[in-house]
Protein backbone atom coordinates (compact mmCIF):
# COMPACT_ATOMS: atom_id res chain seq x y z
CA MET A 1 37.30 31.98 -9.40
CA ILE A 2 36.11 30.88 -5.36
CA MET A 3 33.79 33.47 -5.42
CA ARG A 4 32.14 33.78 -8.86
CA ARG A 5 31.74 29.92 -8.37
CA PHE A 6 29.99 30.22 -4.30
CA THR A 7 28.40 32.62 -6.14
CA SER A 8 26.87 30.39 -8.97
CA ILE A 9 25.93 28.47 -6.28
CA LEU A 10 23.93 29.88 -3.72
CA CYS A 11 22.19 31.97 -6.65
CA MET A 12 20.79 28.18 -7.13
CA ILE A 13 19.92 27.80 -3.57
CA LEU A 14 17.90 30.32 -3.99
CA VAL A 15 15.79 29.62 -6.48
CA LEU A 16 15.36 25.99 -5.59
CA LEU A 17 13.84 28.06 -1.90
CA ALA A 18 11.67 30.33 -3.99
CA SER A 19 10.10 26.88 -6.11
CA THR A 20 9.69 25.00 -3.38
CA SER A 21 8.62 27.97 -1.33
CA CYS A 22 5.58 28.61 -4.41
CA LYS A 23 5.00 24.78 -4.38
CA THR A 24 4.35 24.66 -1.24
CA SER A 25 2.18 27.83 -0.80
CA THR A 26 0.52 26.10 -4.15
CA SER A 27 -0.14 22.97 -2.40
CA ALA A 28 -1.49 24.25 0.79
CA ALA A 29 -3.77 26.81 -0.81
CA ALA A 30 -5.51 23.77 -2.53
CA SER A 31 -5.31 21.50 1.04
CA ASP A 32 -7.69 23.49 1.79
CA ARG A 33 -9.86 23.78 -0.75
CA GLY A 34 -9.62 19.75 -0.09
CA LEU A 35 -8.53 19.60 -3.42
CA HIS A 36 -5.83 18.06 -4.74
CA PRO A 37 -2.90 20.31 -5.99
CA ASP A 38 -3.48 18.56 -9.66
CA GLU A 39 -6.91 19.14 -9.60
CA VAL A 40 -6.15 22.46 -9.19
CA PHE A 41 -6.24 23.10 -13.11
CA THR A 42 -7.60 20.45 -14.04
CA VAL A 43 -10.57 21.30 -16.20
CA THR A 44 -13.26 18.10 -15.61
CA ASP A 45 -16.81 17.12 -17.98
CA ASP A 46 -18.71 18.44 -15.31
CA ASP A 47 -17.11 22.15 -15.92
CA ILE A 48 -17.34 22.06 -19.34
CA ALA A 49 -20.46 21.16 -19.03
CA ASN A 50 -22.64 23.60 -16.86
CA GLU A 51 -20.84 25.78 -18.37
CA THR A 52 -22.46 24.85 -21.96
CA TRP A 53 -26.08 24.75 -19.45
CA ARG A 54 -25.12 27.98 -18.81
CA ILE A 55 -24.37 29.55 -22.34
CA ASN A 56 -27.52 27.89 -23.35
CA SER A 57 -29.77 29.55 -20.65
CA THR A 58 -29.62 33.44 -23.13
CA ILE A 59 -31.54 31.61 -25.16
CA LYS A 60 -33.31 28.99 -24.44
CA GLY A 61 -37.54 29.57 -24.87
CA GLU A 62 -39.51 29.17 -27.44
CA TRP A 63 -39.09 31.66 -30.06
CA ASN A 64 -41.67 33.49 -33.30
CA TYR A 65 -40.78 34.60 -36.89
CA ASN A 66 -41.39 37.95 -36.29
CA GLY A 67 -39.98 38.99 -40.18
CA PRO A 68 -37.17 38.92 -42.10
CA SER A 69 -33.16 38.97 -41.22
CA VAL A 70 -30.99 40.17 -43.36
CA ASP A 71 -26.85 40.25 -43.02
CA VAL A 72 -23.62 40.32 -44.61
CA SER A 73 -20.67 38.47 -44.73
CA GLY A 74 -18.13 39.30 -46.10
CA LYS A 75 -16.32 43.71 -46.67
CA ASN A 76 -17.38 44.23 -50.63
CA LEU A 77 -21.16 43.31 -51.47
CA LEU A 78 -22.10 44.15 -55.54
CA ALA A 79 -25.51 46.56 -54.56
CA GLY A 80 -24.07 48.00 -51.63
CA ILE A 81 -26.45 46.02 -48.80
CA GLY A 82 -24.40 46.80 -45.99
CA LYS A 83 -25.25 51.02 -46.37
CA PRO A 84 -28.79 51.06 -44.04
CA ILE A 85 -31.20 52.26 -46.95
CA THR A 86 -30.55 49.49 -49.78
CA LYS A 87 -30.46 46.78 -46.57
CA SER A 88 -34.20 47.93 -45.86
CA LYS A 89 -35.16 47.04 -49.60
CA PHE A 90 -33.31 44.72 -49.42
CA LYS A 91 -35.92 43.41 -46.62
CA LYS A 92 -38.85 44.39 -48.12
CA LYS A 93 -38.13 42.63 -51.12
CA LEU A 94 -37.28 39.43 -49.13
CA LYS A 95 -40.39 39.70 -46.89
CA ASN A 96 -42.85 39.91 -50.08
CA ALA A 97 -40.89 36.81 -51.29
CA PHE A 98 -41.86 34.79 -48.16
CA LYS A 99 -45.09 36.14 -47.91
CA LYS A 100 -45.21 33.99 -51.80
CA ILE A 101 -43.40 31.29 -49.61
CA GLY A 102 -46.04 30.66 -47.41
CA LEU A 103 -43.72 31.97 -44.13
CA ASP A 104 -45.80 35.03 -42.84
CA LYS A 105 -48.67 32.19 -42.68
CA MET A 106 -47.21 29.35 -41.25
CA ARG A 107 -44.71 31.03 -39.15
CA PRO A 108 -41.41 29.75 -38.70
CA GLN A 109 -40.90 28.84 -34.94
CA PHE A 110 -38.07 28.20 -32.84
CA THR A 111 -37.64 26.11 -29.43
CA PHE A 112 -34.08 25.86 -27.90
CA ASN A 113 -33.63 23.51 -25.20
CA GLN A 114 -31.32 24.18 -21.83
CA ASP A 115 -30.30 20.70 -22.65
CA GLY A 116 -28.77 20.93 -26.32
CA THR A 117 -31.54 19.67 -28.43
CA CYS A 118 -34.23 21.96 -30.42
CA ALA A 119 -37.17 22.07 -31.90
CA ILE A 120 -37.61 24.15 -35.41
CA LYS A 121 -41.36 24.27 -37.57
CA LEU A 122 -40.28 25.81 -41.05
CA LEU A 123 -43.92 25.39 -43.72
CA GLY A 124 -46.02 23.03 -41.94
CA LYS A 125 -42.49 20.51 -40.67
CA SER A 126 -42.03 20.07 -38.27
CA LEU A 127 -37.86 18.73 -37.36
CA LYS A 128 -35.82 18.14 -33.72
CA GLY A 129 -32.41 18.45 -33.85
CA THR A 130 -29.29 19.66 -31.24
CA TYR A 131 -27.23 22.35 -31.12
CA ASN A 132 -24.25 23.82 -30.29
CA TYR A 133 -23.89 28.06 -29.76
CA ASN A 134 -21.54 29.84 -29.55
CA PRO A 135 -21.69 33.61 -28.18
CA ASP A 136 -18.24 35.07 -29.26
CA GLN A 137 -18.60 34.38 -32.02
CA ASP A 138 -22.48 34.56 -32.97
CA LYS A 139 -22.66 31.25 -33.92
CA ILE A 140 -24.39 28.41 -34.07
CA GLN A 141 -24.68 24.64 -36.18
CA ILE A 142 -27.92 23.15 -35.85
CA LYS A 143 -28.32 19.50 -36.75
CA TRP A 144 -30.40 17.53 -38.21
CA HIS A 145 -30.05 13.92 -38.81
CA GLY A 146 -26.68 13.16 -38.36
CA MET A 147 -26.54 16.67 -40.57
CA PRO A 148 -25.14 19.83 -39.15
CA VAL A 149 -26.08 23.68 -40.59
CA SER A 150 -24.17 26.54 -39.11
CA ALA A 151 -25.33 29.53 -39.19
CA ARG A 152 -25.34 33.41 -37.13
CA LEU A 153 -27.33 33.17 -34.17
CA LYS A 154 -27.35 37.28 -32.99
CA ARG A 155 -28.99 38.49 -29.75
CA ASP A 156 -31.44 41.94 -29.79
CA GLY A 157 -31.70 42.74 -26.53
CA ASN A 158 -34.20 39.54 -24.16
CA LYS A 159 -36.90 38.66 -26.73
CA LYS A 160 -35.02 38.92 -30.26
CA LEU A 161 -32.62 37.14 -31.79
CA HIS A 162 -31.73 37.05 -35.52
CA ILE A 163 -30.91 34.19 -37.37
CA THR A 164 -28.98 34.17 -40.87
CA PHE A 165 -28.20 31.70 -43.54
CA ASP A 166 -25.78 31.69 -46.11
CA ALA A 167 -28.24 31.95 -49.24
CA ASP A 168 -27.42 28.55 -50.43
CA ARG A 169 -27.73 26.85 -47.30
CA PHE A 170 -31.27 29.00 -46.17
CA LEU A 171 -32.82 28.08 -49.88
CA SER A 172 -31.67 24.15 -49.21
CA LEU A 173 -33.27 23.92 -45.78
CA LEU A 174 -36.87 26.05 -47.41
CA THR A 175 -36.93 23.37 -50.02
CA LEU A 176 -35.94 21.00 -47.26
CA ALA A 177 -38.83 21.71 -45.40
CA GLY A 178 -41.12 23.63 -47.96
CA ASN A 179 -43.86 20.50 -49.85
CA PHE A 180 -43.87 22.34 -52.91
CA SER A 181 -45.96 21.60 -55.52
CA ASP A 182 -44.82 24.75 -58.01
CA ASN A 183 -41.29 25.71 -57.31
CA SER A 184 -41.95 29.48 -58.68
CA ALA A 185 -41.99 30.93 -55.58
CA ILE A 186 -37.71 29.82 -54.36
CA LYS A 187 -36.64 30.64 -57.45
CA THR A 188 -37.78 33.99 -57.49
CA LEU A 189 -36.05 34.26 -53.72
CA SER A 190 -33.20 32.30 -55.08
CA LYS A 191 -33.52 35.23 -58.05
CA LEU A 192 -33.41 37.69 -55.65
CA MET A 193 -30.59 36.28 -53.43
CA GLU A 194 -28.05 36.02 -56.75
CA ASN A 195 -28.01 39.32 -57.60
CA TYR A 196 -26.12 40.39 -53.93
CA GLU A 197 -22.21 38.48 -52.72
CA ASP A 198 -21.84 37.63 -49.60
CA VAL A 199 -25.18 38.09 -47.86
CA MET A 200 -26.62 35.57 -44.81
CA VAL A 201 -30.88 35.42 -45.49
CA GLY A 202 -32.92 34.72 -42.50
CA PHE A 203 -35.63 35.28 -39.69
CA GLU A 204 -35.30 37.65 -36.84
CA LEU A 205 -38.18 35.66 -33.74
CA LYS A 206 -39.22 37.42 -30.57
CA LYS A 207 -39.95 35.50 -27.69
């Protein structure tokens, strides 16, 4: 019995010595770098700001309309738009609809600044706001006058971006930006997109 107690006490002493040694080592390493031990694993506001600045640098600049872009947000589509040939046909119809709205003449332009501000020219209207970009999820949230609009943003090399929106949000965005005396073009576009499920529509942008 005495032997067992002695062994238990010895084990506890060894664990405490190992723990103390580890803390001393960490403190020494932190001291060598001029850091307090409590600061070693601290993420500061400056760290977050620097990371945001780095992420924004990957899309900063002026991006101009290069054509329609189509993406899918779900697994199954009513008309099989996930198939390349069907997707190609849909993009062709979408391009014709964009022409009727006037997007080929008043070409959309997106400018993303590294400080998180952005400017968008769409159908003759200039919209300024802020954005939050998450490259890991290919998502971007843009805010105009406090109103958030979520979209999918995919980089295509260093010279192209694809920004796509849910169909309803895309139509709302066009309606907000455009001064349509006759909204037949919007109705045509709406009719085209309502035949498809989980479709995301937007722009291919080129630097």
